[in-house]
Protein backbone atom coordinates (compact mmCIF):
# COMPACT_ATOMS: atom_id res chain seq x y z
CA MET A 1 39.90 -89.26 46.75
CA LYS A 2 40.48 -93.10 47.47
CA ASP A 3 38.90 -92.66 50.89
CA LEU A 4 35.37 -91.16 49.14
CA ILE A 5 35.17 -93.17 46.51
CA GLN A 6 35.15 -96.31 48.76
CA LYS A 7 32.11 -94.16 50.91
CA LYS A 8 29.83 -94.09 47.76
CA MET A 9 30.37 -97.35 46.66
CA PRO A 10 31.42 -100.20 49.47
CA THR A 11 32.96 -102.47 47.06
CA LYS A 12 33.96 -105.30 49.94
CA LYS A 13 30.16 -104.66 50.69
CA ILE A 14 29.44 -105.40 46.96
CA ARG A 15 31.43 -108.59 46.67
CA LYS A 16 30.11 -110.03 49.80
CA GLU A 17 26.60 -109.71 49.13
CA PHE A 18 27.55 -111.15 45.40
CA LYS A 19 28.48 -114.32 46.82
CA GLU A 20 25.37 -114.53 49.22
CA ALA A 21 22.91 -113.68 46.53
CA ASN A 22 21.14 -116.07 45.04
CA PRO A 23 22.13 -116.63 41.57
CA LYS A 24 18.72 -117.17 40.23
CA GLU A 25 17.28 -114.04 41.60
CA VAL A 26 20.35 -111.90 40.14
CA ARG A 27 20.10 -113.17 36.71
CA TYR A 28 16.09 -112.42 36.99
CA ALA A 29 17.16 -108.72 38.23
CA ILE A 30 19.46 -108.42 35.64
CA ILE A 31 17.54 -109.70 32.32
CA GLU A 32 14.05 -107.31 34.10
CA ASN A 33 16.40 -104.26 34.02
CA PHE A 34 17.99 -105.01 30.79
CA PHE A 35 14.21 -105.10 29.80
CA PHE A 36 13.74 -101.90 31.14
CA GLY A 37 15.88 -99.85 30.11
CA PHE A 38 15.37 -101.29 26.49
CA SER A 39 11.79 -100.37 26.64
CA GLY A 40 12.22 -96.81 27.39
CA ALA A 41 15.35 -96.37 24.75
CA ILE A 42 13.13 -97.91 21.68
CA ILE A 43 10.11 -95.32 21.96
CA VAL A 44 12.22 -92.06 21.47
CA PRO A 45 13.72 -93.24 17.94
CA PHE A 46 9.98 -94.45 16.91
CA ILE A 47 8.63 -91.10 17.50
CA ALA A 48 11.42 -89.02 15.58
CA LEU A 49 10.41 -91.07 12.51
CA ARG A 50 6.71 -90.68 13.20
CA ILE A 51 5.85 -94.65 12.92
CA ASP A 52 2.83 -94.39 15.34
CA ILE A 53 2.17 -98.48 16.05
CA ALA A 54 5.73 -98.99 16.49
CA VAL A 55 5.01 -95.77 19.20
CA LEU A 56 2.07 -97.17 20.58
CA THR A 57 3.77 -100.52 21.44
CA GLY A 58 7.09 -98.90 22.86
CA TYR A 59 4.90 -97.15 25.41
CA MET A 60 2.56 -100.05 25.56
CA LEU A 61 5.81 -102.31 26.66
CA HIS A 62 8.05 -99.66 29.01
CA TYR A 63 4.50 -98.80 30.71
CA PHE A 64 4.44 -102.98 31.35
CA TYR A 65 7.80 -102.28 32.77
CA ILE A 66 7.17 -99.81 34.94
CA SER A 67 4.48 -101.19 36.42
CA LYS A 68 6.90 -104.30 37.47
CA VAL A 69 9.40 -102.20 38.76
CA ILE A 70 7.33 -99.65 41.04
CA ASN A 71 5.29 -102.86 42.29
CA ARG A 72 8.51 -104.75 42.91
CA PRO A 73 9.86 -104.83 46.52
CA LYS A 74 12.60 -101.90 46.76
CA TYR A 75 16.19 -103.09 46.73
CA THR A 76 17.98 -103.09 49.88
CA THR A 77 21.29 -103.94 48.98
CA SER A 78 24.55 -102.12 47.56
CA LEU A 79 24.65 -105.15 45.00
CA ALA A 80 21.33 -103.94 43.94
CA LYS A 81 21.41 -100.62 43.97
CA PHE A 82 25.37 -100.09 42.31
CA ILE A 83 25.43 -102.92 40.22
CA LEU A 84 21.97 -104.52 39.30
CA PHE A 85 19.77 -101.81 38.55
CA PRO A 86 21.68 -99.22 37.10
CA ILE A 87 24.06 -101.45 34.15
CA PRO A 88 21.98 -103.52 33.28
CA THR A 89 19.73 -100.76 32.39
CA ALA A 90 22.22 -98.65 30.38
CA PHE A 91 22.98 -101.58 28.65
CA GLY A 92 19.20 -102.18 27.62
CA GLY A 93 18.80 -98.49 27.11
CA PHE A 94 21.77 -98.70 24.49
CA ALA A 95 20.48 -101.93 22.81
CA GLY A 96 16.84 -100.30 22.35
CA TYR A 97 18.42 -97.39 21.11
CA LYS A 98 20.30 -99.99 18.32
CA ILE A 99 18.05 -101.99 17.51
CA ALA A 100 15.28 -99.81 17.23
CA TYR A 101 17.35 -98.06 14.45
CA PHE A 102 17.02 -101.60 12.53
CA VAL A 103 13.26 -102.11 12.89
CA SER A 104 12.56 -98.26 12.24
CA GLN A 105 14.11 -99.05 8.80
CA TYR A 106 11.94 -102.16 8.34
CA LEU A 107 9.01 -100.49 9.24
CA THR A 108 9.67 -97.46 6.86
CA GLN A 109 10.25 -99.82 4.00
CA TYR A 110 7.14 -102.17 5.36
CA ILE A 111 4.73 -99.28 5.33
CA GLN A 112 5.41 -97.73 2.28
């Protein structure tokens, strides 16, 4: 079992890549991927509540980030593939889901 886990996620290699990585690039990747997850998650609550302006804004924000993600250089390191993309994106998605609730509450009160 331990051998199987090491084949899927090479932790020694990730630690080595992290030490060699430029801290500014790591921060930028974390922020960019967080907002990518965030922008994707805020759309669903707005669709469910039928708040059209929020849905339009959410789609515009999300497709802006999709164009950034698609047009950036492909991640080649294990650090980027296993850490810098999935973890900040998941946290961003969760934050988007939570914040969209509060924004939708505000918009619902504002519209009525």
